[in-house]
Every structure is written in structure tokens, then in C-alpha cells.
Amino acid sequence: MKKPTKAKLRRRAEEHEQLAKDIRKQYLTGELDIKRTESGLGYVIHQAGEGIAPKLGQKVEVHYVGILADKASVFDQSFGNIKGARFKLGAGEVIPGWDEGIALLRWGDEATLIIPSKLGYGPKGRGQGIPPNSELIFYVEIAAVG
């Protein structure tokens, strides 16, 4: 399998950043059919995958774009990289909203996670990119399970 060029990765990142901004607009105008968990996490599955669901303790790889709900400001994304974020599900290696939200998905799913501050970075925020008490929107694609 041939590695994608830097230009191709850059285009892929730009396309997915625009997609995340479009999803944010749909969220703000009430156009998304959001399901909510008891914790307040919101999620929408845009495209269902055909793969397995990850189990707690299993490694997953996720491509993502993170955007602030109150601004059209992308604070992080992985689509410009060959590999996505890799972590052990449920091990606390990521924010609680990711552990909870990714557990609802399966390999191949394309989804949006709407993460309230308490399941994100809370009152501390994260550096200059994520202010305190920010609601976060992540467009995610489950790239690998196991």
C-alpha cells in the first residue's frame, strides 16, 4: 500500500475540518438528530460501519477533528496524519467523553460526539486552544479496533 503524499494528507485534513464546521452549524441550528446518554454526552452516527465494537481495555485507533461548540475554531485533528489517535478504551488515557463515546461505536463508524465540559477538560480547559468549561464537538472515524 502506497503512503499518501503530504499534499493528499493536507487536503484530507482540510476537507474533514470543513465537515466538522458544517456539523457544528447543524448542531447549533438543531438540524442534527442527537442521541444523549445519561451523562449528557451527545452522539450522532452519520455512517454505520460494519466492523466490531471495541471492548473496554482494547486498543482503538480514531481519526478525528475537534472543534469548539461556541466558535468555529478547530483545536486539533488527525486527518493530516497517516495514523489516528491510539488509546486503550476505558483506561483513562483520553477525556471521559471519548472513553464513553467511542465505546458506543464500532469499527468503520463515522460519527459526531458532543461532549459537555464535565466530560471534556472542565473548568481548567486545555492550554490556549480550549477555554475553561468548553463544550466540544468531535467528528470521529473509527479506523481500527484491537
C-alpha atoms as a PDB file:
ATOM      1  CA  MET A   1       0.000   0.000   0.000  1.00  0.00           C
ATOM      2  CA  LYS A   2       1.393   3.352  -1.069  1.00  0.00           C
ATOM      3  CA  LYS A   3       1.761   6.090   1.572  1.00  0.00           C
ATOM      4  CA  PRO A   4      -0.329   9.193   0.915  1.00  0.00           C
ATOM      5  CA  THR A   5       1.589  12.324  -0.053  1.00  0.00           C
ATOM      6  CA  LYS A   6       1.789  15.349   2.235  1.00  0.00           C
ATOM      7  CA  ALA A   7      -0.432  17.251  -0.198  1.00  0.00           C
ATOM      8  CA  LYS A   8      -3.052  14.498  -0.095  1.00  0.00           C
ATOM      9  CA  LEU A   9      -2.969  14.412   3.718  1.00  0.00           C
ATOM     10  CA  ARG A  10      -3.289  18.204   3.837  1.00  0.00           C
ATOM     11  CA  ARG A  11      -6.332  18.072   1.519  1.00  0.00           C
ATOM     12  CA  ARG A  12      -7.879  15.315   3.621  1.00  0.00           C
ATOM     13  CA  ALA A  13      -7.350  17.395   6.772  1.00  0.00           C
ATOM     14  CA  GLU A  14      -8.910  20.492   5.169  1.00  0.00           C
ATOM     15  CA  GLU A  15     -11.926  18.509   3.930  1.00  0.00           C
ATOM     16  CA  HIS A  16     -12.561  16.999   7.353  1.00  0.00           C
ATOM     17  CA  GLU A  17     -12.096  20.338   9.125  1.00  0.00           C
ATOM     18  CA  GLN A  18     -14.771  21.824   6.846  1.00  0.00           C
ATOM     19  CA  LEU A  19     -17.015  18.829   7.532  1.00  0.00           C
ATOM     20  CA  ALA A  20     -16.638  19.413  11.293  1.00  0.00           C
ATOM     21  CA  LYS A  21     -17.515  23.096  10.855  1.00  0.00           C
ATOM     22  CA  ASP A  22     -20.610  22.135   8.831  1.00  0.00           C
ATOM     23  CA  ILE A  23     -21.662  19.646  11.527  1.00  0.00           C
ATOM     24  CA  ARG A  24     -21.193  22.356  14.166  1.00  0.00           C
ATOM     25  CA  LYS A  25     -23.566  24.637  12.223  1.00  0.00           C
ATOM     26  CA  GLN A  26     -26.127  21.826  12.019  1.00  0.00           C
ATOM     27  CA  TYR A  27     -25.777  21.280  15.775  1.00  0.00           C
ATOM     28  CA  LEU A  28     -26.304  24.959  16.563  1.00  0.00           C
ATOM     29  CA  THR A  29     -29.385  25.173  14.313  1.00  0.00           C
ATOM     30  CA  GLY A  30     -30.911  21.975  15.729  1.00  0.00           C
ATOM     31  CA  GLU A  31     -30.627  20.032  12.469  1.00  0.00           C
ATOM     32  CA  LEU A  32     -28.781  17.045  13.977  1.00  0.00           C
ATOM     33  CA  ASP A  33     -30.716  14.085  15.387  1.00  0.00           C
ATOM     34  CA  ILE A  34     -28.663  13.790  18.563  1.00  0.00           C
ATOM     35  CA  LYS A  35     -28.944  10.864  20.959  1.00  0.00           C
ATOM     36  CA  ARG A  36     -27.968  11.572  24.568  1.00  0.00           C
ATOM     37  CA  THR A  37     -26.568   9.315  27.253  1.00  0.00           C
ATOM     38  CA  GLU A  38     -27.338   9.703  30.972  1.00  0.00           C
ATOM     39  CA  SER A  39     -24.061  11.573  31.443  1.00  0.00           C
ATOM     40  CA  GLY A  40     -25.079  14.219  28.890  1.00  0.00           C
ATOM     41  CA  LEU A  41     -22.817  13.004  26.080  1.00  0.00           C
ATOM     42  CA  GLY A  42     -24.406  13.561  22.685  1.00  0.00           C
ATOM     43  CA  TYR A  43     -23.711  11.459  19.627  1.00  0.00           C
ATOM     44  CA  VAL A  44     -24.807  11.058  16.029  1.00  0.00           C
ATOM     45  CA  ILE A  45     -23.774   8.159  13.798  1.00  0.00           C
ATOM     46  CA  HIS A  46     -23.558   9.569  10.272  1.00  0.00           C
ATOM     47  CA  GLN A  47     -22.331   6.387   8.584  1.00  0.00           C
ATOM     48  CA  ALA A  48     -22.542   2.991  10.262  1.00  0.00           C
ATOM     49  CA  GLY A  49     -19.537   0.755   9.905  1.00  0.00           C
ATOM     50  CA  GLU A  50     -19.674  -2.991   9.529  1.00  0.00           C
ATOM     51  CA  GLY A  51     -16.905  -3.853  11.952  1.00  0.00           C
ATOM     52  CA  ILE A  52     -16.746  -4.981  15.533  1.00  0.00           C
ATOM     53  CA  ALA A  53     -17.440  -2.804  18.555  1.00  0.00           C
ATOM     54  CA  PRO A  54     -14.417  -2.161  20.766  1.00  0.00           C
ATOM     55  CA  LYS A  55     -14.409  -3.658  24.246  1.00  0.00           C
ATOM     56  CA  LEU A  56     -13.094  -1.966  27.366  1.00  0.00           C
ATOM     57  CA  GLY A  57      -9.346  -2.463  27.573  1.00  0.00           C
ATOM     58  CA  GLN A  58      -8.973  -2.922  23.815  1.00  0.00           C
ATOM     59  CA  LYS A  59      -6.779  -0.646  21.711  1.00  0.00           C
ATOM     60  CA  VAL A  60      -8.606   1.588  19.232  1.00  0.00           C
ATOM     61  CA  GLU A  61      -7.429   3.999  16.561  1.00  0.00           C
ATOM     62  CA  VAL A  62      -9.580   7.036  15.870  1.00  0.00           C
ATOM     63  CA  HIS A  63      -9.249   9.769  13.272  1.00  0.00           C
ATOM     64  CA  TYR A  64     -10.871  12.975  14.465  1.00  0.00           C
ATOM     65  CA  VAL A  65     -11.431  16.700  14.191  1.00  0.00           C
ATOM     66  CA  GLY A  66     -12.063  18.599  17.429  1.00  0.00           C
ATOM     67  CA  ILE A  67     -13.910  21.899  17.298  1.00  0.00           C
ATOM     68  CA  LEU A  68     -15.269  24.236  19.963  1.00  0.00           C
ATOM     69  CA  ALA A  69     -19.069  24.319  20.051  1.00  0.00           C
ATOM     70  CA  ASP A  70     -19.207  28.076  20.663  1.00  0.00           C
ATOM     71  CA  LYS A  71     -16.698  29.000  17.924  1.00  0.00           C
ATOM     72  CA  ALA A  72     -15.867  27.582  14.523  1.00  0.00           C
ATOM     73  CA  SER A  73     -12.375  27.008  15.859  1.00  0.00           C
ATOM     74  CA  VAL A  74     -10.682  23.665  15.172  1.00  0.00           C
ATOM     75  CA  PHE A  75      -8.336  22.931  18.075  1.00  0.00           C
ATOM     76  CA  ASP A  76      -6.982  19.567  16.919  1.00  0.00           C
ATOM     77  CA  GLN A  77      -7.290  16.989  14.141  1.00  0.00           C
ATOM     78  CA  SER A  78      -5.615  13.792  12.987  1.00  0.00           C
ATOM     79  CA  PHE A  79      -6.668  13.597   9.331  1.00  0.00           C
ATOM     80  CA  GLY A  80      -3.425  15.295   8.291  1.00  0.00           C
ATOM     81  CA  ASN A  81      -1.552  12.291   9.709  1.00  0.00           C
ATOM     82  CA  ILE A  82      -1.337   8.772   8.373  1.00  0.00           C
ATOM     83  CA  LYS A  83      -2.414   7.312  11.721  1.00  0.00           C
ATOM     84  CA  GLY A  84      -5.097   8.489  14.100  1.00  0.00           C
ATOM     85  CA  ALA A  85      -5.076   8.722  17.883  1.00  0.00           C
ATOM     86  CA  ARG A  86      -4.464   5.336  19.501  1.00  0.00           C
ATOM     87  CA  PHE A  87      -5.515   4.522  23.035  1.00  0.00           C
ATOM     88  CA  LYS A  88      -6.820   1.773  25.286  1.00  0.00           C
ATOM     89  CA  LEU A  89     -10.590   2.163  25.648  1.00  0.00           C
ATOM     90  CA  GLY A  90     -11.746   2.820  29.208  1.00  0.00           C
ATOM     91  CA  ALA A  91      -8.242   3.206  30.631  1.00  0.00           C
ATOM     92  CA  GLY A  92      -8.493   6.973  31.176  1.00  0.00           C
ATOM     93  CA  GLU A  93      -5.897   7.731  28.507  1.00  0.00           C
ATOM     94  CA  VAL A  94      -8.277  10.234  26.887  1.00  0.00           C
ATOM     95  CA  ILE A  95     -11.001  12.571  28.133  1.00  0.00           C
ATOM     96  CA  PRO A  96     -14.018  10.795  29.685  1.00  0.00           C
ATOM     97  CA  GLY A  97     -16.260  11.843  26.785  1.00  0.00           C
ATOM     98  CA  TRP A  98     -14.038   9.938  24.365  1.00  0.00           C
ATOM     99  CA  ASP A  99     -13.961   6.790  26.513  1.00  0.00           C
ATOM    100  CA  GLU A 100     -17.756   6.865  26.763  1.00  0.00           C
ATOM    101  CA  GLY A 101     -18.468   7.938  23.190  1.00  0.00           C
ATOM    102  CA  ILE A 102     -16.053   5.632  21.376  1.00  0.00           C
ATOM    103  CA  ALA A 103     -17.467   2.690  23.378  1.00  0.00           C
ATOM    104  CA  LEU A 104     -20.824   3.365  21.653  1.00  0.00           C
ATOM    105  CA  LEU A 105     -19.312   2.956  18.187  1.00  0.00           C
ATOM    106  CA  ARG A 106     -17.773   0.200  16.087  1.00  0.00           C
ATOM    107  CA  TRP A 107     -15.041  -0.126  13.502  1.00  0.00           C
ATOM    108  CA  GLY A 108     -15.890   1.857  10.376  1.00  0.00           C
ATOM    109  CA  ASP A 109     -18.386   4.193  12.060  1.00  0.00           C
ATOM    110  CA  GLU A 110     -18.319   7.883  11.162  1.00  0.00           C
ATOM    111  CA  ALA A 111     -19.886   9.867  13.975  1.00  0.00           C
ATOM    112  CA  THR A 112     -20.036  13.104  15.908  1.00  0.00           C
ATOM    113  CA  LEU A 113     -19.533  13.278  19.669  1.00  0.00           C
ATOM    114  CA  ILE A 114     -20.872  16.321  21.506  1.00  0.00           C
ATOM    115  CA  ILE A 115     -19.002  16.422  24.772  1.00  0.00           C
ATOM    116  CA  PRO A 116     -20.139  18.607  27.668  1.00  0.00           C
ATOM    117  CA  SER A 117     -17.406  20.327  29.643  1.00  0.00           C
ATOM    118  CA  LYS A 118     -17.662  17.882  32.562  1.00  0.00           C
ATOM    119  CA  LEU A 119     -16.712  15.022  30.192  1.00  0.00           C
ATOM    120  CA  GLY A 120     -14.040  17.115  28.457  1.00  0.00           C
ATOM    121  CA  TYR A 121     -11.492  19.417  30.038  1.00  0.00           C
ATOM    122  CA  GLY A 122     -13.827  21.011  32.612  1.00  0.00           C
ATOM    123  CA  PRO A 123     -13.072  24.255  34.452  1.00  0.00           C
ATOM    124  CA  LYS A 124      -9.338  24.031  33.718  1.00  0.00           C
ATOM    125  CA  GLY A 125      -9.620  23.922  29.934  1.00  0.00           C
ATOM    126  CA  ARG A 126      -6.537  22.891  27.983  1.00  0.00           C
ATOM    127  CA  GLY A 127      -3.943  25.453  27.048  1.00  0.00           C
ATOM    128  CA  GLN A 128      -4.990  28.360  24.873  1.00  0.00           C
ATOM    129  CA  GLY A 129      -6.905  26.179  22.406  1.00  0.00           C
ATOM    130  CA  ILE A 130      -9.662  25.012  24.768  1.00  0.00           C
ATOM    131  CA  PRO A 131     -11.010  27.595  27.228  1.00  0.00           C
ATOM    132  CA  PRO A 132     -12.420  26.522  30.615  1.00  0.00           C
ATOM    133  CA  ASN A 133     -15.909  24.962  30.593  1.00  0.00           C
ATOM    134  CA  SER A 134     -15.945  24.412  26.822  1.00  0.00           C
ATOM    135  CA  GLU A 135     -18.422  22.120  25.111  1.00  0.00           C
ATOM    136  CA  LEU A 136     -16.534  20.141  22.470  1.00  0.00           C
ATOM    137  CA  ILE A 137     -17.612  18.657  19.154  1.00  0.00           C
ATOM    138  CA  PHE A 138     -15.592  15.811  17.669  1.00  0.00           C
ATOM    139  CA  TYR A 139     -16.154  14.335  14.237  1.00  0.00           C
ATOM    140  CA  VAL A 140     -14.662  10.828  14.538  1.00  0.00           C
ATOM    141  CA  GLU A 141     -13.971   7.826  12.341  1.00  0.00           C
ATOM    142  CA  ILE A 142     -13.087   4.508  13.973  1.00  0.00           C
ATOM    143  CA  ALA A 143     -10.057   3.369  11.969  1.00  0.00           C
ATOM    144  CA  ALA A 144      -9.076   0.234  13.892  1.00  0.00           C
ATOM    145  CA  VAL A 145     -10.145  -1.954  16.807  1.00  0.00           C
ATOM    146  CA  GLY A 146      -7.801  -4.375  18.554  1.00  0.00           C
END
